[in-house]
Amino acid sequence: MTTATNLTWVKSSYSGQGGQCIEWAPEYASATDIVPVRDSKNPDGPALMISTSAFAGLVTLARTSEL
């Protein structure tokens, strides 16, 4: 069983823009169709596990929303 601690994590491309960032594990997502997402400031904290289609929806929302 894979745990959130032994995955290869990638920071959001917006990491340098304010410090409130997420990381995700693309290799795990490709292999399982489940995207692990975590807070980059708390790497030992919990990871949210969501479907690839839900993750795509979150990315679309983030790109089209005004903050």
N, C-alpha and C. Protein backbone atom coordinates (compact mmCIF):
# COMPACT_ATOMS: atom_id res chain seq x y z
N MET A 1 0.85 -1.19 0.00
CA MET A 1 0.00 0.00 0.00
C MET A 1 0.88 1.24 0.00
N THR A 2 0.55 2.20 -0.83
CA THR A 2 1.30 3.45 -0.91
C THR A 2 0.74 4.43 0.12
N THR A 3 1.62 5.10 0.79
CA THR A 3 1.19 6.13 1.73
C THR A 3 1.61 7.49 1.20
N ALA A 4 1.02 8.53 1.75
CA ALA A 4 1.31 9.89 1.30
C ALA A 4 2.76 10.28 1.56
N THR A 5 3.44 9.59 2.45
CA THR A 5 4.80 9.97 2.78
C THR A 5 5.83 9.44 1.80
N ASN A 6 5.53 8.38 1.06
CA ASN A 6 6.52 7.84 0.13
C ASN A 6 6.20 8.13 -1.33
N LEU A 7 5.46 9.19 -1.59
CA LEU A 7 5.15 9.61 -2.95
C LEU A 7 6.13 10.69 -3.39
N THR A 8 6.24 10.88 -4.70
CA THR A 8 7.01 11.99 -5.25
C THR A 8 6.06 13.16 -5.45
N TRP A 9 6.26 14.22 -4.67
CA TRP A 9 5.37 15.37 -4.66
C TRP A 9 5.91 16.49 -5.56
N VAL A 10 5.00 17.20 -6.22
CA VAL A 10 5.33 18.32 -7.09
C VAL A 10 4.56 19.54 -6.60
N LYS A 11 5.26 20.68 -6.46
CA LYS A 11 4.59 21.90 -6.01
C LYS A 11 3.80 22.52 -7.16
N SER A 12 2.76 23.22 -6.79
CA SER A 12 1.97 23.99 -7.74
C SER A 12 2.86 24.98 -8.47
N SER A 13 2.53 25.28 -9.71
CA SER A 13 3.31 26.26 -10.48
C SER A 13 3.16 27.66 -9.90
N TYR A 14 2.22 27.87 -9.00
CA TYR A 14 2.02 29.17 -8.38
C TYR A 14 2.71 29.26 -7.01
N SER A 15 3.63 28.37 -6.73
CA SER A 15 4.28 28.30 -5.41
C SER A 15 4.95 29.60 -5.00
N GLY A 16 5.52 30.32 -5.92
CA GLY A 16 6.24 31.54 -5.58
C GLY A 16 5.37 32.76 -5.48
N GLN A 17 4.07 32.60 -5.50
CA GLN A 17 3.16 33.74 -5.53
C GLN A 17 2.32 33.86 -4.26
N GLY A 18 2.95 33.85 -3.10
CA GLY A 18 2.21 34.11 -1.89
C GLY A 18 2.31 33.07 -0.79
N GLY A 19 2.85 31.91 -1.07
CA GLY A 19 3.09 30.94 -0.01
C GLY A 19 1.94 30.01 0.32
N GLN A 20 0.77 30.23 -0.21
CA GLN A 20 -0.36 29.33 0.04
C GLN A 20 -0.47 28.37 -1.13
N CYS A 21 0.23 27.25 -1.01
CA CYS A 21 0.39 26.35 -2.15
C CYS A 21 -0.04 24.93 -1.84
N ILE A 22 -0.24 24.21 -2.92
CA ILE A 22 -0.51 22.78 -2.79
C ILE A 22 0.56 22.00 -3.53
N GLU A 23 0.67 20.73 -3.18
CA GLU A 23 1.51 19.80 -3.89
C GLU A 23 0.63 18.62 -4.31
N TRP A 24 1.03 17.97 -5.38
CA TRP A 24 0.30 16.80 -5.82
C TRP A 24 1.32 15.76 -6.29
N ALA A 25 0.87 14.53 -6.44
CA ALA A 25 1.75 13.42 -6.81
C ALA A 25 1.33 12.88 -8.18
N PRO A 26 1.90 13.45 -9.26
CA PRO A 26 1.46 13.08 -10.62
C PRO A 26 1.73 11.63 -11.00
N GLU A 27 2.82 11.04 -10.54
CA GLU A 27 3.10 9.64 -10.89
C GLU A 27 2.05 8.71 -10.29
N TYR A 28 1.67 8.97 -9.05
CA TYR A 28 0.62 8.17 -8.41
C TYR A 28 -0.71 8.36 -9.14
N ALA A 29 -0.99 9.61 -9.51
CA ALA A 29 -2.24 9.90 -10.22
C ALA A 29 -2.30 9.16 -11.55
N SER A 30 -1.19 9.13 -12.28
CA SER A 30 -1.16 8.43 -13.57
C SER A 30 -1.39 6.93 -13.41
N ALA A 31 -0.88 6.38 -12.33
CA ALA A 31 -0.99 4.94 -12.12
C ALA A 31 -2.34 4.50 -11.57
N THR A 32 -3.04 5.41 -10.86
CA THR A 32 -4.23 5.00 -10.12
C THR A 32 -5.51 5.77 -10.45
N ASP A 33 -5.40 6.87 -11.19
CA ASP A 33 -6.54 7.79 -11.44
C ASP A 33 -7.04 8.44 -10.15
N ILE A 34 -6.21 8.44 -9.12
CA ILE A 34 -6.49 9.14 -7.87
C ILE A 34 -5.37 10.15 -7.65
N VAL A 35 -5.73 11.40 -7.41
CA VAL A 35 -4.74 12.47 -7.25
C VAL A 35 -4.59 12.82 -5.76
N PRO A 36 -3.42 12.54 -5.19
CA PRO A 36 -3.15 12.98 -3.83
C PRO A 36 -2.78 14.46 -3.84
N VAL A 37 -3.39 15.23 -2.96
CA VAL A 37 -3.13 16.67 -2.86
C VAL A 37 -2.85 16.99 -1.39
N ARG A 38 -1.83 17.81 -1.14
CA ARG A 38 -1.52 18.19 0.24
C ARG A 38 -1.07 19.65 0.31
N ASP A 39 -1.07 20.18 1.50
CA ASP A 39 -0.60 21.54 1.77
C ASP A 39 0.92 21.52 1.77
N SER A 40 1.54 22.34 0.93
CA SER A 40 3.00 22.33 0.85
C SER A 40 3.67 22.81 2.14
N LYS A 41 2.95 23.56 2.95
CA LYS A 41 3.51 24.04 4.22
C LYS A 41 3.42 22.98 5.31
N ASN A 42 2.69 21.90 5.07
CA ASN A 42 2.51 20.85 6.08
C ASN A 42 2.68 19.48 5.41
N PRO A 43 3.90 19.16 4.98
CA PRO A 43 4.10 17.90 4.25
C PRO A 43 3.83 16.64 5.05
N ASP A 44 3.85 16.74 6.37
CA ASP A 44 3.54 15.57 7.19
C ASP A 44 2.06 15.48 7.55
N GLY A 45 1.28 16.44 7.08
CA GLY A 45 -0.14 16.47 7.36
C GLY A 45 -0.91 15.54 6.43
N PRO A 46 -2.22 15.60 6.49
CA PRO A 46 -3.04 14.70 5.68
C PRO A 46 -3.00 15.07 4.20
N ALA A 47 -3.29 14.10 3.37
CA ALA A 47 -3.41 14.31 1.93
C ALA A 47 -4.85 14.04 1.52
N LEU A 48 -5.37 14.89 0.69
CA LEU A 48 -6.70 14.71 0.12
C LEU A 48 -6.55 13.83 -1.11
N MET A 49 -7.30 12.76 -1.20
CA MET A 49 -7.23 11.85 -2.34
C MET A 49 -8.50 12.03 -3.17
N ILE A 50 -8.35 12.57 -4.39
CA ILE A 50 -9.51 12.84 -5.22
C ILE A 50 -9.34 12.23 -6.61
N SER A 51 -10.45 12.01 -7.27
CA SER A 51 -10.39 11.44 -8.61
C SER A 51 -9.74 12.42 -9.58
N THR A 52 -9.22 11.87 -10.69
CA THR A 52 -8.59 12.74 -11.68
C THR A 52 -9.59 13.72 -12.27
N SER A 53 -10.83 13.32 -12.44
CA SER A 53 -11.83 14.24 -13.00
C SER A 53 -12.17 15.35 -12.00
N ALA A 54 -12.22 15.04 -10.71
CA ALA A 54 -12.45 16.07 -9.70
C ALA A 54 -11.27 17.04 -9.64
N PHE A 55 -10.06 16.51 -9.76
CA PHE A 55 -8.86 17.36 -9.76
C PHE A 55 -8.88 18.29 -10.97
N ALA A 56 -9.25 17.76 -12.13
CA ALA A 56 -9.33 18.59 -13.34
C ALA A 56 -10.35 19.71 -13.14
N GLY A 57 -11.46 19.42 -12.48
CA GLY A 57 -12.45 20.44 -12.19
C GLY A 57 -11.92 21.51 -11.26
N LEU A 58 -11.13 21.12 -10.26
CA LEU A 58 -10.53 22.10 -9.36
C LEU A 58 -9.54 22.99 -10.09
N VAL A 59 -8.75 22.41 -10.98
CA VAL A 59 -7.80 23.20 -11.77
C VAL A 59 -8.55 24.19 -12.65
N THR A 60 -9.61 23.76 -13.30
CA THR A 60 -10.40 24.65 -14.13
C THR A 60 -10.99 25.79 -13.30
N LEU A 61 -11.53 25.46 -12.15
CA LEU A 61 -12.09 26.47 -11.26
C LEU A 61 -11.03 27.48 -10.84
N ALA A 62 -9.85 27.00 -10.48
CA ALA A 62 -8.77 27.89 -10.05
C ALA A 62 -8.32 28.81 -11.18
N ARG A 63 -8.29 28.31 -12.38
CA ARG A 63 -7.85 29.12 -13.52
C ARG A 63 -8.87 30.17 -13.92
N THR A 64 -10.14 29.91 -13.67
CA THR A 64 -11.18 30.82 -14.15
C THR A 64 -11.74 31.73 -13.06
N SER A 65 -11.37 31.49 -11.82
CA SER A 65 -11.91 32.28 -10.70
C SER A 65 -11.05 33.50 -10.43
N GLU A 66 -11.70 34.56 -10.02
CA GLU A 66 -10.98 35.74 -9.57
C GLU A 66 -10.78 35.63 -8.08
N LEU A 67 -9.57 35.87 -7.64
CA LEU A 67 -9.26 35.77 -6.21
C LEU A 67 -9.20 37.14 -5.60
